[in-house]
Amino acid sequence: MRTGEDIARYGAQVWQKYEAWWSTLEDRALSRMLNTYYGDTSAHQVFERVTWHSAQHCRQLAAVLERMDIAPDRPLTPEDLAGLPLPERLWE
């Protein structure tokens, strides 16, 4: 990927795959257990982890941009991050 448009297009494709998966999912509580590298974990906990983990990386990328005097055009808001068990510090 070389441009912001490439990244946005990839993100849109991932979102479409997610929507297709979610629309056919019977277990919306995500109660099924998954074998992960950190042990057997409910799908709900894995889903939560990948959500907050991605949000943490977005926070880090925004900080890198700001250090380069580039303002993110749509920074994450406290409302976006509400309820996520994010690390307090940016580089944990």
N, C-alpha and C. Protein backbone atom coordinates (compact mmCIF):
# COMPACT_ATOMS: atom_id res chain seq x y z
N MET A 1 0.85 -1.17 0.00
CA MET A 1 0.00 0.00 0.00
C MET A 1 0.89 1.23 0.00
N ARG A 2 0.51 2.16 -0.83
CA ARG A 2 1.36 3.34 -0.98
C ARG A 2 0.65 4.65 -0.66
N THR A 3 -0.65 4.64 -0.66
CA THR A 3 -1.37 5.90 -0.43
C THR A 3 -2.45 5.72 0.63
N GLY A 4 -2.95 6.84 1.10
CA GLY A 4 -4.06 6.81 2.03
C GLY A 4 -5.28 6.15 1.41
N GLU A 5 -5.46 6.36 0.12
CA GLU A 5 -6.58 5.73 -0.59
C GLU A 5 -6.44 4.21 -0.59
N ASP A 6 -5.21 3.71 -0.75
CA ASP A 6 -4.97 2.26 -0.68
C ASP A 6 -5.39 1.72 0.68
N ILE A 7 -5.01 2.42 1.72
CA ILE A 7 -5.34 1.98 3.08
C ILE A 7 -6.85 2.04 3.30
N ALA A 8 -7.48 3.11 2.85
CA ALA A 8 -8.93 3.25 3.00
C ALA A 8 -9.67 2.17 2.24
N ARG A 9 -9.20 1.85 1.06
CA ARG A 9 -9.83 0.80 0.25
C ARG A 9 -9.70 -0.56 0.96
N TYR A 10 -8.52 -0.82 1.50
CA TYR A 10 -8.31 -2.06 2.24
C TYR A 10 -9.23 -2.11 3.46
N GLY A 11 -9.32 -1.00 4.19
CA GLY A 11 -10.20 -0.94 5.35
C GLY A 11 -11.65 -1.20 4.97
N ALA A 12 -12.08 -0.67 3.85
CA ALA A 12 -13.46 -0.89 3.38
C ALA A 12 -13.69 -2.36 3.05
N GLN A 13 -12.69 -3.01 2.47
CA GLN A 13 -12.81 -4.44 2.16
C GLN A 13 -12.90 -5.27 3.44
N VAL A 14 -12.09 -4.92 4.42
CA VAL A 14 -12.14 -5.63 5.71
C VAL A 14 -13.51 -5.43 6.34
N TRP A 15 -14.03 -4.22 6.30
CA TRP A 15 -15.35 -3.94 6.87
C TRP A 15 -16.44 -4.76 6.17
N GLN A 16 -16.35 -4.86 4.85
CA GLN A 16 -17.34 -5.67 4.10
C GLN A 16 -17.27 -7.13 4.52
N LYS A 17 -16.06 -7.65 4.71
CA LYS A 17 -15.91 -9.04 5.16
C LYS A 17 -16.50 -9.21 6.56
N TYR A 18 -16.24 -8.25 7.43
CA TYR A 18 -16.80 -8.30 8.78
C TYR A 18 -18.32 -8.30 8.73
N GLU A 19 -18.90 -7.40 7.95
CA GLU A 19 -20.36 -7.31 7.84
C GLU A 19 -20.96 -8.62 7.32
N ALA A 20 -20.32 -9.23 6.34
CA ALA A 20 -20.80 -10.50 5.79
C ALA A 20 -20.73 -11.59 6.86
N TRP A 21 -19.62 -11.64 7.59
CA TRP A 21 -19.46 -12.62 8.66
C TRP A 21 -20.52 -12.41 9.74
N TRP A 22 -20.67 -11.18 10.19
CA TRP A 22 -21.60 -10.89 11.29
C TRP A 22 -23.05 -11.19 10.88
N SER A 23 -23.41 -10.91 9.64
CA SER A 23 -24.80 -11.11 9.20
C SER A 23 -25.20 -12.58 9.18
N THR A 24 -24.24 -13.49 9.11
CA THR A 24 -24.57 -14.92 9.10
C THR A 24 -24.26 -15.60 10.43
N LEU A 25 -23.75 -14.86 11.40
CA LEU A 25 -23.34 -15.44 12.68
C LEU A 25 -24.56 -15.78 13.53
N GLU A 26 -24.64 -17.01 14.00
CA GLU A 26 -25.74 -17.41 14.87
C GLU A 26 -25.47 -17.05 16.32
N ASP A 27 -24.24 -17.20 16.78
CA ASP A 27 -23.88 -16.95 18.18
C ASP A 27 -23.43 -15.50 18.36
N ARG A 28 -24.39 -14.58 18.41
CA ARG A 28 -24.06 -13.16 18.53
C ARG A 28 -23.52 -12.81 19.91
N ALA A 29 -23.65 -13.69 20.89
CA ALA A 29 -23.05 -13.47 22.21
C ALA A 29 -21.56 -13.80 22.18
N LEU A 30 -21.11 -14.41 21.09
CA LEU A 30 -19.71 -14.80 20.91
C LEU A 30 -19.22 -15.64 22.08
N SER A 31 -20.02 -16.62 22.47
CA SER A 31 -19.70 -17.43 23.63
C SER A 31 -18.77 -18.61 23.31
N ARG A 32 -18.59 -18.92 22.05
CA ARG A 32 -17.72 -20.02 21.65
C ARG A 32 -16.29 -19.80 22.16
N MET A 33 -15.64 -20.85 22.56
CA MET A 33 -14.25 -20.76 23.02
C MET A 33 -13.31 -20.89 21.83
N LEU A 34 -12.27 -20.08 21.83
CA LEU A 34 -11.26 -20.10 20.77
C LEU A 34 -9.91 -20.43 21.38
N ASN A 35 -9.12 -21.20 20.67
CA ASN A 35 -7.77 -21.52 21.11
C ASN A 35 -6.86 -20.42 20.58
N THR A 36 -6.32 -19.60 21.47
CA THR A 36 -5.44 -18.51 21.08
C THR A 36 -4.04 -18.74 21.64
N TYR A 37 -3.09 -17.92 21.23
CA TYR A 37 -1.73 -18.08 21.74
C TYR A 37 -1.66 -17.77 23.23
N TYR A 38 -2.67 -17.11 23.78
CA TYR A 38 -2.68 -16.83 25.21
C TYR A 38 -3.69 -17.71 25.96
N GLY A 39 -4.05 -18.85 25.33
CA GLY A 39 -4.91 -19.83 25.97
C GLY A 39 -6.33 -19.83 25.42
N ASP A 40 -7.14 -20.76 25.91
CA ASP A 40 -8.53 -20.83 25.49
C ASP A 40 -9.27 -19.60 26.02
N THR A 41 -9.95 -18.92 25.11
CA THR A 41 -10.59 -17.65 25.44
C THR A 41 -11.92 -17.57 24.70
N SER A 42 -12.90 -16.96 25.35
CA SER A 42 -14.19 -16.83 24.67
C SER A 42 -14.03 -15.91 23.46
N ALA A 43 -14.82 -16.15 22.44
CA ALA A 43 -14.78 -15.31 21.24
C ALA A 43 -15.09 -13.86 21.61
N HIS A 44 -15.97 -13.66 22.59
CA HIS A 44 -16.30 -12.30 23.04
C HIS A 44 -15.05 -11.59 23.56
N GLN A 45 -14.25 -12.28 24.36
CA GLN A 45 -13.03 -11.67 24.89
C GLN A 45 -12.01 -11.40 23.78
N VAL A 46 -11.92 -12.30 22.81
CA VAL A 46 -11.00 -12.07 21.68
C VAL A 46 -11.46 -10.85 20.89
N PHE A 47 -12.76 -10.75 20.64
CA PHE A 47 -13.31 -9.62 19.90
C PHE A 47 -13.01 -8.31 20.63
N GLU A 48 -13.22 -8.31 21.95
CA GLU A 48 -12.92 -7.11 22.74
C GLU A 48 -11.44 -6.77 22.66
N ARG A 49 -10.59 -7.79 22.76
CA ARG A 49 -9.14 -7.55 22.73
C ARG A 49 -8.68 -6.94 21.41
N VAL A 50 -9.16 -7.49 20.29
CA VAL A 50 -8.72 -6.94 19.01
C VAL A 50 -9.26 -5.53 18.81
N THR A 51 -10.41 -5.23 19.42
CA THR A 51 -10.97 -3.88 19.32
C THR A 51 -10.11 -2.88 20.07
N TRP A 52 -9.83 -3.16 21.36
CA TRP A 52 -9.05 -2.17 22.12
C TRP A 52 -7.61 -2.13 21.62
N HIS A 53 -7.10 -3.27 21.16
CA HIS A 53 -5.72 -3.29 20.67
C HIS A 53 -5.58 -2.41 19.43
N SER A 54 -6.55 -2.50 18.53
CA SER A 54 -6.55 -1.64 17.33
C SER A 54 -6.68 -0.17 17.72
N ALA A 55 -7.54 0.10 18.69
CA ALA A 55 -7.71 1.49 19.16
C ALA A 55 -6.40 2.02 19.74
N GLN A 56 -5.69 1.18 20.47
CA GLN A 56 -4.40 1.61 21.04
C GLN A 56 -3.42 1.97 19.93
N HIS A 57 -3.37 1.16 18.87
CA HIS A 57 -2.48 1.48 17.75
C HIS A 57 -2.91 2.76 17.03
N CYS A 58 -4.21 3.00 16.93
CA CYS A 58 -4.68 4.26 16.34
C CYS A 58 -4.22 5.44 17.17
N ARG A 59 -4.30 5.31 18.50
CA ARG A 59 -3.81 6.38 19.39
C ARG A 59 -2.32 6.62 19.15
N GLN A 60 -1.56 5.53 19.00
CA GLN A 60 -0.12 5.65 18.78
C GLN A 60 0.18 6.31 17.44
N LEU A 61 -0.55 5.91 16.39
CA LEU A 61 -0.33 6.52 15.08
C LEU A 61 -0.66 8.01 15.09
N ALA A 62 -1.73 8.38 15.79
CA ALA A 62 -2.09 9.79 15.90
C ALA A 62 -0.98 10.56 16.61
N ALA A 63 -0.40 9.97 17.64
CA ALA A 63 0.69 10.63 18.36
C ALA A 63 1.91 10.82 17.47
N VAL A 64 2.22 9.83 16.64
CA VAL A 64 3.35 9.96 15.71
C VAL A 64 3.08 11.08 14.71
N LEU A 65 1.87 11.14 14.17
CA LEU A 65 1.52 12.22 13.25
C LEU A 65 1.67 13.58 13.91
N GLU A 66 1.16 13.69 15.13
CA GLU A 66 1.24 14.97 15.84
C GLU A 66 2.68 15.38 16.08
N ARG A 67 3.57 14.42 16.35
CA ARG A 67 5.00 14.73 16.53
C ARG A 67 5.61 15.26 15.24
N MET A 68 5.00 14.89 14.12
CA MET A 68 5.47 15.35 12.82
C MET A 68 4.72 16.61 12.38
N ASP A 69 3.98 17.22 13.32
CA ASP A 69 3.17 18.41 13.04
C ASP A 69 2.11 18.16 11.97
N ILE A 70 1.55 16.95 11.98
CA ILE A 70 0.45 16.60 11.09
C ILE A 70 -0.76 16.31 11.97
N ALA A 71 -1.81 17.08 11.80
CA ALA A 71 -3.01 16.88 12.61
C ALA A 71 -3.87 15.79 11.98
N PRO A 72 -4.19 14.74 12.74
CA PRO A 72 -5.12 13.73 12.21
C PRO A 72 -6.44 14.39 11.83
N ASP A 73 -7.00 14.01 10.69
CA ASP A 73 -8.23 14.68 10.24
C ASP A 73 -9.47 14.24 11.01
N ARG A 74 -9.45 13.04 11.58
CA ARG A 74 -10.58 12.58 12.41
C ARG A 74 -10.03 11.83 13.61
N PRO A 75 -9.47 12.56 14.57
CA PRO A 75 -8.87 11.88 15.72
C PRO A 75 -9.95 11.15 16.54
N LEU A 76 -9.52 10.09 17.20
CA LEU A 76 -10.43 9.37 18.08
C LEU A 76 -10.85 10.29 19.22
N THR A 77 -12.10 10.19 19.59
CA THR A 77 -12.63 11.01 20.67
C THR A 77 -12.78 10.15 21.93
N PRO A 78 -12.94 10.80 23.08
CA PRO A 78 -13.21 10.02 24.29
C PRO A 78 -14.43 9.11 24.14
N GLU A 79 -15.42 9.56 23.39
CA GLU A 79 -16.60 8.73 23.15
C GLU A 79 -16.25 7.48 22.34
N ASP A 80 -15.34 7.63 21.37
CA ASP A 80 -14.90 6.48 20.58
C ASP A 80 -14.24 5.42 21.46
N LEU A 81 -13.53 5.88 22.46
CA LEU A 81 -12.74 4.97 23.30
C LEU A 81 -13.46 4.55 24.58
N ALA A 82 -14.63 5.11 24.82
CA ALA A 82 -15.36 4.83 26.06
C ALA A 82 -15.61 3.34 26.24
N GLY A 83 -15.28 2.86 27.42
CA GLY A 83 -15.54 1.46 27.76
C GLY A 83 -14.47 0.49 27.33
N LEU A 84 -13.49 0.93 26.57
CA LEU A 84 -12.42 0.04 26.15
C LEU A 84 -11.34 -0.01 27.24
N PRO A 85 -10.85 -1.20 27.56
CA PRO A 85 -9.83 -1.31 28.61
C PRO A 85 -8.44 -0.98 28.08
N LEU A 86 -8.27 0.27 27.67
CA LEU A 86 -7.00 0.71 27.08
C LEU A 86 -5.94 0.93 28.14
N PRO A 87 -4.68 0.68 27.80
CA PRO A 87 -3.61 1.06 28.71
C PRO A 87 -3.64 2.57 28.93
N GLU A 88 -3.28 2.99 30.11
CA GLU A 88 -3.28 4.42 30.39
C GLU A 88 -2.25 5.16 29.54
N ARG A 89 -1.07 4.57 29.46
CA ARG A 89 0.01 5.21 28.71
C ARG A 89 -0.02 4.77 27.26
N LEU A 90 0.51 5.61 26.41
CA LEU A 90 0.45 5.40 24.98
C LEU A 90 1.35 4.26 24.49
N TRP A 91 2.48 4.06 25.11
CA TRP A 91 3.45 3.10 24.59
C TRP A 91 3.61 1.88 25.48
N GLU A 92 2.53 1.44 26.12
CA GLU A 92 2.58 0.21 26.94
C GLU A 92 2.31 -0.99 26.07
